[in-house]
Amino acid sequence: KLKNLNIFILPAITKNSTHGWQSFVLHYNLKKAKKSLTEIMKILETKKISVRMGTHAIHNLEYYKKKYNYKKLQFPGAEYCEKNSIAIPLHNNMNSKDYEYIVNIILNLDKQYSARFRIQKT
C-alpha cells in the first residue's frame, strides 16, 4: 500500500539482499513536501504514532567525535540521512489493525502534505 508515496521513500530491498526489519525507516523527501519533517513527526505523535529519528550519523555522536576526531559535515550523506529520516513503529506486539492504522495515517499525510504538481480540470 505504501509503494507509491510521494513525500516518503520506503526502505530499498535490492536483489540478493534481505532486510533485517529491526526498524522501518522512511526517508523524507523535502523537495516534495509542504511541511518540515519535524512538523510531520508532531502530527504523527498527535495520532498516537511514536516516531523517532530513522538513523544517526555516528560521526556526530560524542564517542566517535572524540575517538576518531570526526568533524561535522565530514560525511554529508550520513548528515542528510540523519536529518531526513524517521523510524515508524514495527515490533512484535503490533497486530494487523495497528499496521493498518499506521499505513492509513501515512497515506493520508502523503496525500495532504505532498507538494506534487496537480493538474486542475477546467
PDB file of N, CA and C in Angstrom:
ATOM      1  N   LYS A   1       0.807  -1.213   0.000  1.00  0.00           N
ATOM      2  CA  LYS A   1       0.000   0.000   0.000  1.00  0.00           C
ATOM      3  C   LYS A   1       0.846   1.270   0.000  1.00  0.00           C
ATOM      4  N   LEU A   2       2.047   1.189   0.493  1.00  0.00           N
ATOM      5  CA  LEU A   2       2.884   2.386   0.609  1.00  0.00           C
ATOM      6  C   LEU A   2       3.839   2.596  -0.563  1.00  0.00           C
ATOM      7  N   LYS A   3       3.786   1.751  -1.567  1.00  0.00           N
ATOM      8  CA  LYS A   3       4.811   1.804  -2.610  1.00  0.00           C
ATOM      9  C   LYS A   3       4.775   3.055  -3.483  1.00  0.00           C
ATOM     10  N   ASN A   4       3.672   3.794  -3.520  1.00  0.00           N
ATOM     11  CA  ASN A   4       3.594   4.971  -4.381  1.00  0.00           C
ATOM     12  C   ASN A   4       3.586   6.284  -3.602  1.00  0.00           C
ATOM     13  N   LEU A   5       4.255   6.316  -2.484  1.00  0.00           N
ATOM     14  CA  LEU A   5       4.309   7.540  -1.686  1.00  0.00           C
ATOM     15  C   LEU A   5       5.104   8.614  -2.406  1.00  0.00           C
ATOM     16  N   ASN A   6       4.795   9.836  -2.082  1.00  0.00           N
ATOM     17  CA  ASN A   6       5.480  10.967  -2.694  1.00  0.00           C
ATOM     18  C   ASN A   6       6.464  11.635  -1.726  1.00  0.00           C
ATOM     19  N   ILE A   7       6.033  11.871  -0.492  1.00  0.00           N
ATOM     20  CA  ILE A   7       6.909  12.567   0.458  1.00  0.00           C
ATOM     21  C   ILE A   7       7.791  11.623   1.259  1.00  0.00           C
ATOM     22  N   PHE A   8       7.499  10.338   1.200  1.00  0.00           N
ATOM     23  CA  PHE A   8       8.327   9.347   1.878  1.00  0.00           C
ATOM     24  C   PHE A   8       8.884   8.357   0.864  1.00  0.00           C
ATOM     25  N   ILE A   9      10.088   7.909   1.115  1.00  0.00           N
ATOM     26  CA  ILE A   9      10.717   6.875   0.292  1.00  0.00           C
ATOM     27  C   ILE A   9      10.907   5.664   1.188  1.00  0.00           C
ATOM     28  N   LEU A  10      10.437   4.522   0.721  1.00  0.00           N
ATOM     29  CA  LEU A  10      10.488   3.287   1.508  1.00  0.00           C
ATOM     30  C   LEU A  10      11.896   2.692   1.528  1.00  0.00           C
ATOM     31  N   PRO A  11      12.157   1.824   2.506  1.00  0.00           N
ATOM     32  CA  PRO A  11      13.444   1.113   2.517  1.00  0.00           C
ATOM     33  C   PRO A  11      13.593   0.289   1.238  1.00  0.00           C
ATOM     34  N   ALA A  12      14.781   0.279   0.706  1.00  0.00           N
ATOM     35  CA  ALA A  12      15.046  -0.478  -0.524  1.00  0.00           C
ATOM     36  C   ALA A  12      15.534  -1.877  -0.174  1.00  0.00           C
ATOM     37  N   ILE A  13      14.994  -2.834  -0.873  1.00  0.00           N
ATOM     38  CA  ILE A  13      15.483  -4.204  -0.758  1.00  0.00           C
ATOM     39  C   ILE A  13      16.002  -4.562  -2.145  1.00  0.00           C
ATOM     40  N   THR A  14      17.289  -4.621  -2.266  1.00  0.00           N
ATOM     41  CA  THR A  14      17.889  -4.877  -3.563  1.00  0.00           C
ATOM     42  C   THR A  14      18.017  -6.372  -3.825  1.00  0.00           C
ATOM     43  N   LYS A  15      18.256  -6.690  -5.065  1.00  0.00           N
ATOM     44  CA  LYS A  15      18.415  -8.086  -5.456  1.00  0.00           C
ATOM     45  C   LYS A  15      19.563  -8.711  -4.653  1.00  0.00           C
ATOM     46  N   ASN A  16      19.398  -9.942  -4.263  1.00  0.00           N
ATOM     47  CA  ASN A  16      20.389 -10.694  -3.490  1.00  0.00           C
ATOM     48  C   ASN A  16      20.653 -10.104  -2.107  1.00  0.00           C
ATOM     49  N   SER A  17      19.661  -9.423  -1.546  1.00  0.00           N
ATOM     50  CA  SER A  17      19.807  -8.907  -0.190  1.00  0.00           C
ATOM     51  C   SER A  17      18.498  -9.118   0.567  1.00  0.00           C
ATOM     52  N   THR A  18      18.563  -8.974   1.868  1.00  0.00           N
ATOM     53  CA  THR A  18      17.372  -9.053   2.700  1.00  0.00           C
ATOM     54  C   THR A  18      17.385  -7.882   3.667  1.00  0.00           C
ATOM     55  N   HIS A  19      16.247  -7.593   4.232  1.00  0.00           N
ATOM     56  CA  HIS A  19      16.126  -6.506   5.200  1.00  0.00           C
ATOM     57  C   HIS A  19      15.973  -7.137   6.574  1.00  0.00           C
ATOM     58  N   GLY A  20      16.665  -6.641   7.560  1.00  0.00           N
ATOM     59  CA  GLY A  20      16.586  -7.178   8.914  1.00  0.00           C
ATOM     60  C   GLY A  20      15.317  -6.778   9.645  1.00  0.00           C
ATOM     61  N   TRP A  21      14.644  -5.724   9.195  1.00  0.00           N
ATOM     62  CA  TRP A  21      13.405  -5.229   9.777  1.00  0.00           C
ATOM     63  C   TRP A  21      13.505  -4.972  11.271  1.00  0.00           C
ATOM     64  N   GLN A  22      14.682  -4.530  11.701  1.00  0.00           N
ATOM     65  CA  GLN A  22      14.844  -4.091  13.086  1.00  0.00           C
ATOM     66  C   GLN A  22      13.992  -2.846  13.301  1.00  0.00           C
ATOM     67  N   SER A  23      13.914  -2.031  12.277  1.00  0.00           N
ATOM     68  CA  SER A  23      13.073  -0.841  12.303  1.00  0.00           C
ATOM     69  C   SER A  23      12.592  -0.570  10.880  1.00  0.00           C
ATOM     70  N   PHE A  24      11.572   0.239  10.763  1.00  0.00           N
ATOM     71  CA  PHE A  24      11.049   0.599   9.455  1.00  0.00           C
ATOM     72  C   PHE A  24      11.328   2.077   9.258  1.00  0.00           C
ATOM     73  N   VAL A  25      12.358   2.364   8.498  1.00  0.00           N
ATOM     74  CA  VAL A  25      12.826   3.734   8.323  1.00  0.00           C
ATOM     75  C   VAL A  25      12.309   4.293   7.004  1.00  0.00           C
ATOM     76  N   LEU A  26      11.694   5.458   7.107  1.00  0.00           N
ATOM     77  CA  LEU A  26      11.226   6.178   5.933  1.00  0.00           C
ATOM     78  C   LEU A  26      12.126   7.377   5.687  1.00  0.00           C
ATOM     79  N   HIS A  27      12.537   7.536   4.449  1.00  0.00           N
ATOM     80  CA  HIS A  27      13.307   8.713   4.044  1.00  0.00           C
ATOM     81  C   HIS A  27      12.295   9.795   3.692  1.00  0.00           C
ATOM     82  N   TYR A  28      12.511  11.000   4.178  1.00  0.00           N
ATOM     83  CA  TYR A  28      11.588  12.109   3.927  1.00  0.00           C
ATOM     84  C   TYR A  28      12.099  12.932   2.764  1.00  0.00           C
ATOM     85  N   ASN A  29      11.281  13.077   1.750  1.00  0.00           N
ATOM     86  CA  ASN A  29      11.661  13.801   0.545  1.00  0.00           C
ATOM     87  C   ASN A  29      11.235  15.269   0.678  1.00  0.00           C
ATOM     88  N   LEU A  30      12.143  16.091   1.170  1.00  0.00           N
ATOM     89  CA  LEU A  30      11.845  17.504   1.427  1.00  0.00           C
ATOM     90  C   LEU A  30      11.408  18.260   0.179  1.00  0.00           C
ATOM     91  N   LYS A  31      11.933  17.868  -0.958  1.00  0.00           N
ATOM     92  CA  LYS A  31      11.612  18.567  -2.210  1.00  0.00           C
ATOM     93  C   LYS A  31      10.157  18.377  -2.611  1.00  0.00           C
ATOM     94  N   LYS A  32       9.516  17.347  -2.093  1.00  0.00           N
ATOM     95  CA  LYS A  32       8.142  17.050  -2.486  1.00  0.00           C
ATOM     96  C   LYS A  32       7.141  17.263  -1.361  1.00  0.00           C
ATOM     97  N   ALA A  33       7.558  17.926  -0.290  1.00  0.00           N
ATOM     98  CA  ALA A  33       6.686  18.060   0.880  1.00  0.00           C
ATOM     99  C   ALA A  33       6.371  19.517   1.186  1.00  0.00           C
ATOM    100  N   LYS A  34       5.184  19.731   1.727  1.00  0.00           N
ATOM    101  CA  LYS A  34       4.745  21.072   2.127  1.00  0.00           C
ATOM    102  C   LYS A  34       5.090  21.387   3.577  1.00  0.00           C
ATOM    103  N   LYS A  35       5.487  20.387   4.328  1.00  0.00           N
ATOM    104  CA  LYS A  35       5.797  20.569   5.756  1.00  0.00           C
ATOM    105  C   LYS A  35       7.188  20.031   6.044  1.00  0.00           C
ATOM    106  N   SER A  36       7.772  20.519   7.121  1.00  0.00           N
ATOM    107  CA  SER A  36       9.073  20.007   7.547  1.00  0.00           C
ATOM    108  C   SER A  36       8.891  18.628   8.174  1.00  0.00           C
ATOM    109  N   LEU A  37       9.973  17.898   8.262  1.00  0.00           N
ATOM    110  CA  LEU A  37       9.912  16.583   8.898  1.00  0.00           C
ATOM    111  C   LEU A  37       9.514  16.707  10.365  1.00  0.00           C
ATOM    112  N   THR A  38       9.990  17.728  11.031  1.00  0.00           N
ATOM    113  CA  THR A  38       9.619  17.961  12.430  1.00  0.00           C
ATOM    114  C   THR A  38       8.106  18.138  12.565  1.00  0.00           C
ATOM    115  N   GLU A  39       7.504  18.879  11.647  1.00  0.00           N
ATOM    116  CA  GLU A  39       6.054  19.077  11.684  1.00  0.00           C
ATOM    117  C   GLU A  39       5.318  17.759  11.446  1.00  0.00           C
ATOM    118  N   ILE A  40       5.812  16.963  10.502  1.00  0.00           N
ATOM    119  CA  ILE A  40       5.200  15.665  10.220  1.00  0.00           C
ATOM    120  C   ILE A  40       5.310  14.751  11.447  1.00  0.00           C
ATOM    121  N   MET A  41       6.465  14.776  12.107  1.00  0.00           N
ATOM    122  CA  MET A  41       6.647  13.956  13.309  1.00  0.00           C
ATOM    123  C   MET A  41       5.662  14.366  14.403  1.00  0.00           C
ATOM    124  N   LYS A  42       5.441  15.667  14.557  1.00  0.00           N
ATOM    125  CA  LYS A  42       4.486  16.152  15.564  1.00  0.00           C
ATOM    126  C   LYS A  42       3.064  15.702  15.233  1.00  0.00           C
ATOM    127  N   ILE A  43       2.716  15.731  13.950  1.00  0.00           N
ATOM    128  CA  ILE A  43       1.395  15.272  13.535  1.00  0.00           C
ATOM    129  C   ILE A  43       1.236  13.788  13.862  1.00  0.00           C
ATOM    130  N   LEU A  44       2.250  12.993  13.558  1.00  0.00           N
ATOM    131  CA  LEU A  44       2.197  11.559  13.861  1.00  0.00           C
ATOM    132  C   LEU A  44       2.045  11.326  15.357  1.00  0.00           C
ATOM    133  N   GLU A  45       2.746  12.108  16.162  1.00  0.00           N
ATOM    134  CA  GLU A  45       2.632  11.984  17.625  1.00  0.00           C
ATOM    135  C   GLU A  45       1.207  12.285  18.091  1.00  0.00           C
ATOM    136  N   THR A  46       0.549  13.279  17.479  1.00  0.00           N
ATOM    137  CA  THR A  46      -0.834  13.585  17.869  1.00  0.00           C
ATOM    138  C   THR A  46      -1.779  12.446  17.500  1.00  0.00           C
ATOM    139  N   LYS A  47      -1.383  11.625  16.547  1.00  0.00           N
ATOM    140  CA  LYS A  47      -2.175  10.458  16.130  1.00  0.00           C
ATOM    141  C   LYS A  47      -1.778   9.214  16.922  1.00  0.00           C
ATOM    142  N   LYS A  48      -0.979   9.415  17.979  1.00  0.00           N
ATOM    143  CA  LYS A  48      -0.517   8.318  18.848  1.00  0.00           C
ATOM    144  C   LYS A  48       0.411   7.337  18.126  1.00  0.00           C
ATOM    145  N   ILE A  49       1.160   7.860  17.145  1.00  0.00           N
ATOM    146  CA  ILE A  49       2.164   7.055  16.451  1.00  0.00           C
ATOM    147  C   ILE A  49       3.524   7.585  16.881  1.00  0.00           C
ATOM    148  N   SER A  50       4.215   6.801  17.666  1.00  0.00           N
ATOM    149  CA  SER A  50       5.509   7.200  18.193  1.00  0.00           C
ATOM    150  C   SER A  50       6.587   7.027  17.122  1.00  0.00           C
ATOM    151  N   VAL A  51       7.241   8.107  16.793  1.00  0.00           N
ATOM    152  CA  VAL A  51       8.310   8.070  15.787  1.00  0.00           C
ATOM    153  C   VAL A  51       9.585   8.643  16.391  1.00  0.00           C
ATOM    154  N   ARG A  52      10.688   8.342  15.743  1.00  0.00           N
ATOM    155  CA  ARG A  52      11.993   8.871  16.182  1.00  0.00           C
ATOM    156  C   ARG A  52      12.865   9.039  14.950  1.00  0.00           C
ATOM    157  N   MET A  53      14.034   9.557  15.169  1.00  0.00           N
ATOM    158  CA  MET A  53      14.986   9.673  14.062  1.00  0.00           C
ATOM    159  C   MET A  53      15.196   8.292  13.457  1.00  0.00           C
ATOM    160  N   GLY A  54      15.319   8.258  12.141  1.00  0.00           N
ATOM    161  CA  GLY A  54      15.494   6.973  11.472  1.00  0.00           C
ATOM    162  C   GLY A  54      16.888   6.414  11.576  1.00  0.00           C
ATOM    163  N   THR A  55      17.859   7.294  11.666  1.00  0.00           N
ATOM    164  CA  THR A  55      19.252   6.852  11.731  1.00  0.00           C
ATOM    165  C   THR A  55      20.101   7.942  12.383  1.00  0.00           C
ATOM    166  N   HIS A  56      21.252   7.571  12.821  1.00  0.00           N
ATOM    167  CA  HIS A  56      22.195   8.535  13.407  1.00  0.00           C
ATOM    168  C   HIS A  56      23.450   8.594  12.548  1.00  0.00           C
ATOM    169  N   ALA A  57      23.955   9.784  12.386  1.00  0.00           N
ATOM    170  CA  ALA A  57      25.257   9.954  11.749  1.00  0.00           C
ATOM    171  C   ALA A  57      26.284   9.766  12.869  1.00  0.00           C
ATOM    172  N   ILE A  58      26.938   8.613  12.889  1.00  0.00           N
ATOM    173  CA  ILE A  58      27.771   8.290  14.058  1.00  0.00           C
ATOM    174  C   ILE A  58      28.930   9.263  14.245  1.00  0.00           C
ATOM    175  N   HIS A  59      29.353   9.917  13.173  1.00  0.00           N
ATOM    176  CA  HIS A  59      30.450  10.873  13.346  1.00  0.00           C
ATOM    177  C   HIS A  59      30.010  12.088  14.168  1.00  0.00           C
ATOM    178  N   ASN A  60      28.707  12.244  14.404  1.00  0.00           N
ATOM    179  CA  ASN A  60      28.211  13.324  15.262  1.00  0.00           C
ATOM    180  C   ASN A  60      28.028  12.889  16.709  1.00  0.00           C
ATOM    181  N   LEU A  61      28.122  11.603  16.976  1.00  0.00           N
ATOM    182  CA  LEU A  61      27.999  11.114  18.347  1.00  0.00           C
ATOM    183  C   LEU A  61      29.302  11.369  19.099  1.00  0.00           C
ATOM    184  N   GLU A  62      29.174  11.801  20.328  1.00  0.00           N
ATOM    185  CA  GLU A  62      30.319  12.249  21.128  1.00  0.00           C
ATOM    186  C   GLU A  62      31.469  11.245  21.161  1.00  0.00           C
ATOM    187  N   TYR A  63      31.160   9.982  21.377  1.00  0.00           N
ATOM    188  CA  TYR A  63      32.202   8.960  21.471  1.00  0.00           C
ATOM    189  C   TYR A  63      33.059   8.927  20.201  1.00  0.00           C
ATOM    190  N   TYR A  64      32.424   8.893  19.052  1.00  0.00           N
ATOM    191  CA  TYR A  64      33.153   8.791  17.786  1.00  0.00           C
ATOM    192  C   TYR A  64      33.853  10.096  17.424  1.00  0.00           C
ATOM    193  N   LYS A  65      33.235  11.219  17.777  1.00  0.00           N
ATOM    194  CA  LYS A  65      33.891  12.510  17.531  1.00  0.00           C
ATOM    195  C   LYS A  65      35.217  12.574  18.287  1.00  0.00           C
ATOM    196  N   LYS A  66      35.186  12.143  19.542  1.00  0.00           N
ATOM    197  CA  LYS A  66      36.402  12.191  20.351  1.00  0.00           C
ATOM    198  C   LYS A  66      37.416  11.137  19.922  1.00  0.00           C
ATOM    199  N   LYS A  67      36.974   9.903  19.741  1.00  0.00           N
ATOM    200  CA  LYS A  67      37.887   8.810  19.425  1.00  0.00           C
ATOM    201  C   LYS A  67      38.568   8.980  18.069  1.00  0.00           C
ATOM    202  N   TYR A  68      37.800   9.423  17.052  1.00  0.00           N
ATOM    203  CA  TYR A  68      38.343   9.497  15.693  1.00  0.00           C
ATOM    204  C   TYR A  68      38.508  10.919  15.166  1.00  0.00           C
ATOM    205  N   ASN A  69      38.199  11.903  16.007  1.00  0.00           N
ATOM    206  CA  ASN A  69      38.335  13.305  15.637  1.00  0.00           C
ATOM    207  C   ASN A  69      37.494  13.667  14.409  1.00  0.00           C
ATOM    208  N   TYR A  70      36.296  13.075  14.345  1.00  0.00           N
ATOM    209  CA  TYR A  70      35.399  13.382  13.236  1.00  0.00           C
ATOM    210  C   TYR A  70      34.905  14.816  13.341  1.00  0.00           C
ATOM    211  N   LYS A  71      34.670  15.410  12.205  1.00  0.00           N
ATOM    212  CA  LYS A  71      34.173  16.782  12.132  1.00  0.00           C
ATOM    213  C   LYS A  71      32.750  16.788  11.571  1.00  0.00           C
ATOM    214  N   LYS A  72      31.985  17.771  11.996  1.00  0.00           N
ATOM    215  CA  LYS A  72      30.641  17.939  11.456  1.00  0.00           C
ATOM    216  C   LYS A  72      30.759  18.133   9.947  1.00  0.00           C
ATOM    217  N   LEU A  73      29.835  17.571   9.217  1.00  0.00           N
ATOM    218  CA  LEU A  73      29.776  17.626   7.749  1.00  0.00           C
ATOM    219  C   LEU A  73      30.880  16.826   7.060  1.00  0.00           C
ATOM    220  N   GLN A  74      31.639  16.057   7.816  1.00  0.00           N
ATOM    221  CA  GLN A  74      32.676  15.218   7.207  1.00  0.00           C
ATOM    222  C   GLN A  74      32.045  14.120   6.349  1.00  0.00           C
ATOM    223  N   PHE A  75      30.858  13.702   6.723  1.00  0.00           N
ATOM    224  CA  PHE A  75      30.131  12.673   5.981  1.00  0.00           C
ATOM    225  C   PHE A  75      28.756  13.233   5.604  1.00  0.00           C
ATOM    226  N   PRO A  76      28.688  13.982   4.504  1.00  0.00           N
ATOM    227  CA  PRO A  76      27.435  14.659   4.158  1.00  0.00           C
ATOM    228  C   PRO A  76      26.263  13.708   3.909  1.00  0.00           C
ATOM    229  N   GLY A  77      26.508  12.536   3.370  1.00  0.00           N
ATOM    230  CA  GLY A  77      25.432  11.575   3.148  1.00  0.00           C
ATOM    231  C   GLY A  77      24.810  11.125   4.458  1.00  0.00           C
ATOM    232  N   ALA A  78      25.657  10.863   5.442  1.00  0.00           N
ATOM    233  CA  ALA A  78      25.170  10.461   6.765  1.00  0.00           C
ATOM    234  C   ALA A  78      24.404  11.607   7.424  1.00  0.00           C
ATOM    235  N   GLU A  79      24.908  12.820   7.267  1.00  0.00           N
ATOM    236  CA  GLU A  79      24.223  14.007   7.804  1.00  0.00           C
ATOM    237  C   GLU A  79      22.827  14.126   7.202  1.00  0.00           C
ATOM    238  N   TYR A  80      22.763  13.968   5.897  1.00  0.00           N
ATOM    239  CA  TYR A  80      21.487  14.083   5.190  1.00  0.00           C
ATOM    240  C   TYR A  80      20.490  13.030   5.683  1.00  0.00           C
ATOM    241  N   CYS A  81      20.943  11.796   5.799  1.00  0.00           N
ATOM    242  CA  CYS A  81      20.054  10.721   6.258  1.00  0.00           C
ATOM    243  C   CYS A  81      19.587  10.947   7.686  1.00  0.00           C
ATOM    244  N   GLU A  82      20.488  11.444   8.530  1.00  0.00           N
ATOM    245  CA  GLU A  82      20.115  11.704   9.921  1.00  0.00           C
ATOM    246  C   GLU A  82      19.014  12.759  10.003  1.00  0.00           C
ATOM    247  N   LYS A  83      19.100  13.775   9.169  1.00  0.00           N
ATOM    248  CA  LYS A  83      18.144  14.884   9.216  1.00  0.00           C
ATOM    249  C   LYS A  83      16.855  14.606   8.448  1.00  0.00           C
ATOM    250  N   ASN A  84      16.848  13.584   7.608  1.00  0.00           N
ATOM    251  CA  ASN A  84      15.707  13.385   6.711  1.00  0.00           C
ATOM    252  C   ASN A  84      15.147  11.975   6.740  1.00  0.00           C
ATOM    253  N   SER A  85      15.145  11.352   7.907  1.00  0.00           N
ATOM    254  CA  SER A  85      14.542  10.026   8.009  1.00  0.00           C
ATOM    255  C   SER A  85      13.872   9.867   9.369  1.00  0.00           C
ATOM    256  N   ILE A  86      12.835   9.037   9.370  1.00  0.00           N
ATOM    257  CA  ILE A  86      12.155   8.701  10.619  1.00  0.00           C
ATOM    258  C   ILE A  86      11.927   7.194  10.662  1.00  0.00           C
ATOM    259  N   ALA A  87      11.869   6.681  11.862  1.00  0.00           N
ATOM    260  CA  ALA A  87      11.523   5.273  12.068  1.00  0.00           C
ATOM    261  C   ALA A  87      10.103   5.232  12.605  1.00  0.00           C
ATOM    262  N   ILE A  88       9.276   4.442  11.942  1.00  0.00           N
ATOM    263  CA  ILE A  88       7.899   4.268  12.409  1.00  0.00           C
ATOM    264  C   ILE A  88       7.806   2.938  13.155  1.00  0.00           C
ATOM    265  N   PRO A  89       6.788   2.775  13.986  1.00  0.00           N
ATOM    266  CA  PRO A  89       6.684   1.556  14.795  1.00  0.00           C
ATOM    267  C   PRO A  89       6.681   0.271  13.967  1.00  0.00           C
ATOM    268  N   LEU A  90       7.439  -0.676  14.457  1.00  0.00           N
ATOM    269  CA  LEU A  90       7.493  -2.018  13.877  1.00  0.00           C
ATOM    270  C   LEU A  90       8.008  -2.935  14.980  1.00  0.00           C
ATOM    271  N   HIS A  91       7.108  -3.669  15.597  1.00  0.00           N
ATOM    272  CA  HIS A  91       7.537  -4.579  16.667  1.00  0.00           C
ATOM    273  C   HIS A  91       6.538  -5.720  16.822  1.00  0.00           C
ATOM    274  N   ASN A  92       6.918  -6.710  17.579  1.00  0.00           N
ATOM    275  CA  ASN A  92       6.131  -7.943  17.675  1.00  0.00           C
ATOM    276  C   ASN A  92       4.860  -7.824  18.517  1.00  0.00           C
ATOM    277  N   ASN A  93       4.637  -6.709  19.183  1.00  0.00           N
ATOM    278  CA  ASN A  93       3.395  -6.524  19.930  1.00  0.00           C
ATOM    279  C   ASN A  93       2.307  -5.854  19.093  1.00  0.00           C
ATOM    280  N   MET A  94       2.622  -5.552  17.856  1.00  0.00           N
ATOM    281  CA  MET A  94       1.644  -4.919  16.976  1.00  0.00           C
ATOM    282  C   MET A  94       0.811  -6.001  16.281  1.00  0.00           C
ATOM    283  N   ASN A  95      -0.421  -5.641  15.977  1.00  0.00           N
ATOM    284  CA  ASN A  95      -1.271  -6.560  15.223  1.00  0.00           C
ATOM    285  C   ASN A  95      -1.637  -5.925  13.882  1.00  0.00           C
ATOM    286  N   SER A  96      -2.377  -6.627  13.074  1.00  0.00           N
ATOM    287  CA  SER A  96      -2.701  -6.128  11.735  1.00  0.00           C
ATOM    288  C   SER A  96      -3.509  -4.827  11.791  1.00  0.00           C
ATOM    289  N   LYS A  97      -4.327  -4.669  12.812  1.00  0.00           N
ATOM    290  CA  LYS A  97      -5.086  -3.421  12.979  1.00  0.00           C
ATOM    291  C   LYS A  97      -4.141  -2.240  13.232  1.00  0.00           C
ATOM    292  N   ASP A  98      -3.108  -2.464  14.042  1.00  0.00           N
ATOM    293  CA  ASP A  98      -2.107  -1.424  14.309  1.00  0.00           C
ATOM    294  C   ASP A  98      -1.392  -1.017  13.020  1.00  0.00           C
ATOM    295  N   TYR A  99      -0.979  -2.025  12.244  1.00  0.00           N
ATOM    296  CA  TYR A  99      -0.278  -1.744  10.988  1.00  0.00           C
ATOM    297  C   TYR A  99      -1.168  -0.967  10.021  1.00  0.00           C
ATOM    298  N   GLU A 100      -2.417  -1.382   9.908  1.00  0.00           N
ATOM    299  CA  GLU A 100      -3.354  -0.700   9.006  1.00  0.00           C
ATOM    300  C   GLU A 100      -3.559   0.754   9.420  1.00  0.00           C
ATOM    301  N   TYR A 101      -3.656   0.990  10.727  1.00  0.00           N
ATOM    302  CA  TYR A 101      -3.822   2.352  11.230  1.00  0.00           C
ATOM    303  C   TYR A 101      -2.636   3.221  10.812  1.00  0.00           C
ATOM    304  N   ILE A 102      -1.429   2.738  11.026  1.00  0.00           N
ATOM    305  CA  ILE A 102      -0.220   3.498  10.679  1.00  0.00           C
ATOM    306  C   ILE A 102      -0.137   3.721   9.175  1.00  0.00           C
ATOM    307  N   VAL A 103      -0.390   2.693   8.401  1.00  0.00           N
ATOM    308  CA  VAL A 103      -0.341   2.815   6.939  1.00  0.00           C
ATOM    309  C   VAL A 103      -1.344   3.865   6.465  1.00  0.00           C
ATOM    310  N   ASN A 104      -2.550   3.825   6.980  1.00  0.00           N
ATOM    311  CA  ASN A 104      -3.569   4.790   6.558  1.00  0.00           C
ATOM    312  C   ASN A 104      -3.201   6.223   6.935  1.00  0.00           C
ATOM    313  N   ILE A 105      -2.644   6.414   8.102  1.00  0.00           N
ATOM    314  CA  ILE A 105      -2.205   7.752   8.514  1.00  0.00           C
ATOM    315  C   ILE A 105      -1.104   8.246   7.577  1.00  0.00           C
ATOM    316  N   ILE A 106      -0.142   7.398   7.271  1.00  0.00           N
ATOM    317  CA  ILE A 106       0.955   7.799   6.375  1.00  0.00           C
ATOM    318  C   ILE A 106       0.419   8.117   4.981  1.00  0.00           C
ATOM    319  N   LEU A 107      -0.502   7.309   4.487  1.00  0.00           N
ATOM    320  CA  LEU A 107      -1.106   7.587   3.175  1.00  0.00           C
ATOM    321  C   LEU A 107      -1.832   8.933   3.182  1.00  0.00           C
ATOM    322  N   ASN A 108      -2.550   9.216   4.261  1.00  0.00           N
ATOM    323  CA  ASN A 108      -3.255  10.499   4.358  1.00  0.00           C
ATOM    324  C   ASN A 108      -2.288  11.674   4.450  1.00  0.00           C
ATOM    325  N   LEU A 109      -1.222  11.521   5.218  1.00  0.00           N
ATOM    326  CA  LEU A 109      -0.213  12.584   5.299  1.00  0.00           C
ATOM    327  C   LEU A 109       0.421  12.835   3.938  1.00  0.00           C
ATOM    328  N   ASP A 110       0.723  11.757   3.240  1.00  0.00           N
ATOM    329  CA  ASP A 110       1.332  11.883   1.917  1.00  0.00           C
ATOM    330  C   ASP A 110       0.404  12.651   0.976  1.00  0.00           C
ATOM    331  N   LYS A 111      -0.851  12.328   1.028  1.00  0.00           N
ATOM    332  CA  LYS A 111      -1.831  12.992   0.157  1.00  0.00           C
ATOM    333  C   LYS A 111      -2.011  14.457   0.556  1.00  0.00           C
ATOM    334  N   GLN A 112      -2.096  14.704   1.849  1.00  0.00           N
ATOM    335  CA  GLN A 112      -2.371  16.053   2.349  1.00  0.00           C
ATOM    336  C   GLN A 112      -1.185  17.010   2.225  1.00  0.00           C
ATOM    337  N   TYR A 113       0.025  16.509   2.441  1.00  0.00           N
ATOM    338  CA  TYR A 113       1.175  17.411   2.508  1.00  0.00           C
ATOM    339  C   TYR A 113       2.151  17.262   1.350  1.00  0.00           C
ATOM    340  N   SER A 114       1.760  16.558   0.336  1.00  0.00           N
ATOM    341  CA  SER A 114       2.589  16.422  -0.846  1.00  0.00           C
ATOM    342  C   SER A 114       2.528  17.715  -1.647  1.00  0.00           C
ATOM    343  N   ALA A 115       3.671  18.169  -2.102  1.00  0.00           N
ATOM    344  CA  ALA A 115       3.739  19.379  -2.911  1.00  0.00           C
ATOM    345  C   ALA A 115       3.770  19.044  -4.396  1.00  0.00           C
ATOM    346  N   ARG A 116       3.400  17.809  -4.725  1.00  0.00           N
ATOM    347  CA  ARG A 116       3.434  17.423  -6.132  1.00  0.00           C
ATOM    348  C   ARG A 116       2.480  18.304  -6.924  1.00  0.00           C
ATOM    349  N   PHE A 117       2.866  18.526  -8.126  1.00  0.00           N
ATOM    350  CA  PHE A 117       2.113  19.384  -9.026  1.00  0.00           C
ATOM    351  C   PHE A 117       0.837  18.666  -9.452  1.00  0.00           C
ATOM    352  N   ARG A 118      -0.303  19.323  -9.259  1.00  0.00           N
ATOM    353  CA  ARG A 118      -1.574  18.720  -9.645  1.00  0.00           C
ATOM    354  C   ARG A 118      -2.180  19.508 -10.803  1.00  0.00           C
ATOM    355  N   ILE A 119      -2.684  18.797 -11.789  1.00  0.00           N
ATOM    356  CA  ILE A 119      -3.340  19.433 -12.916  1.00  0.00           C
ATOM    357  C   ILE A 119      -4.809  19.613 -12.547  1.00  0.00           C
ATOM    358  N   GLN A 120      -5.273  20.832 -12.638  1.00  0.00           N
ATOM    359  CA  GLN A 120      -6.664  21.106 -12.311  1.00  0.00           C
ATOM    360  C   GLN A 120      -7.522  21.001 -13.560  1.00  0.00           C
ATOM    361  N   LYS A 121      -8.663  20.372 -13.411  1.00  0.00           N
ATOM    362  CA  LYS A 121      -9.600  20.276 -14.528  1.00  0.00           C
ATOM    363  C   LYS A 121     -10.369  21.587 -14.638  1.00  0.00           C
ATOM    364  N   THR A 122     -10.576  22.022 -15.871  1.00  0.00           N
ATOM    365  CA  THR A 122     -11.332  23.271 -16.070  1.00  0.00           C
ATOM    366  C   THR A 122     -12.639  23.008 -16.755  1.00  0.00           C
TER     367      THR A 122
END
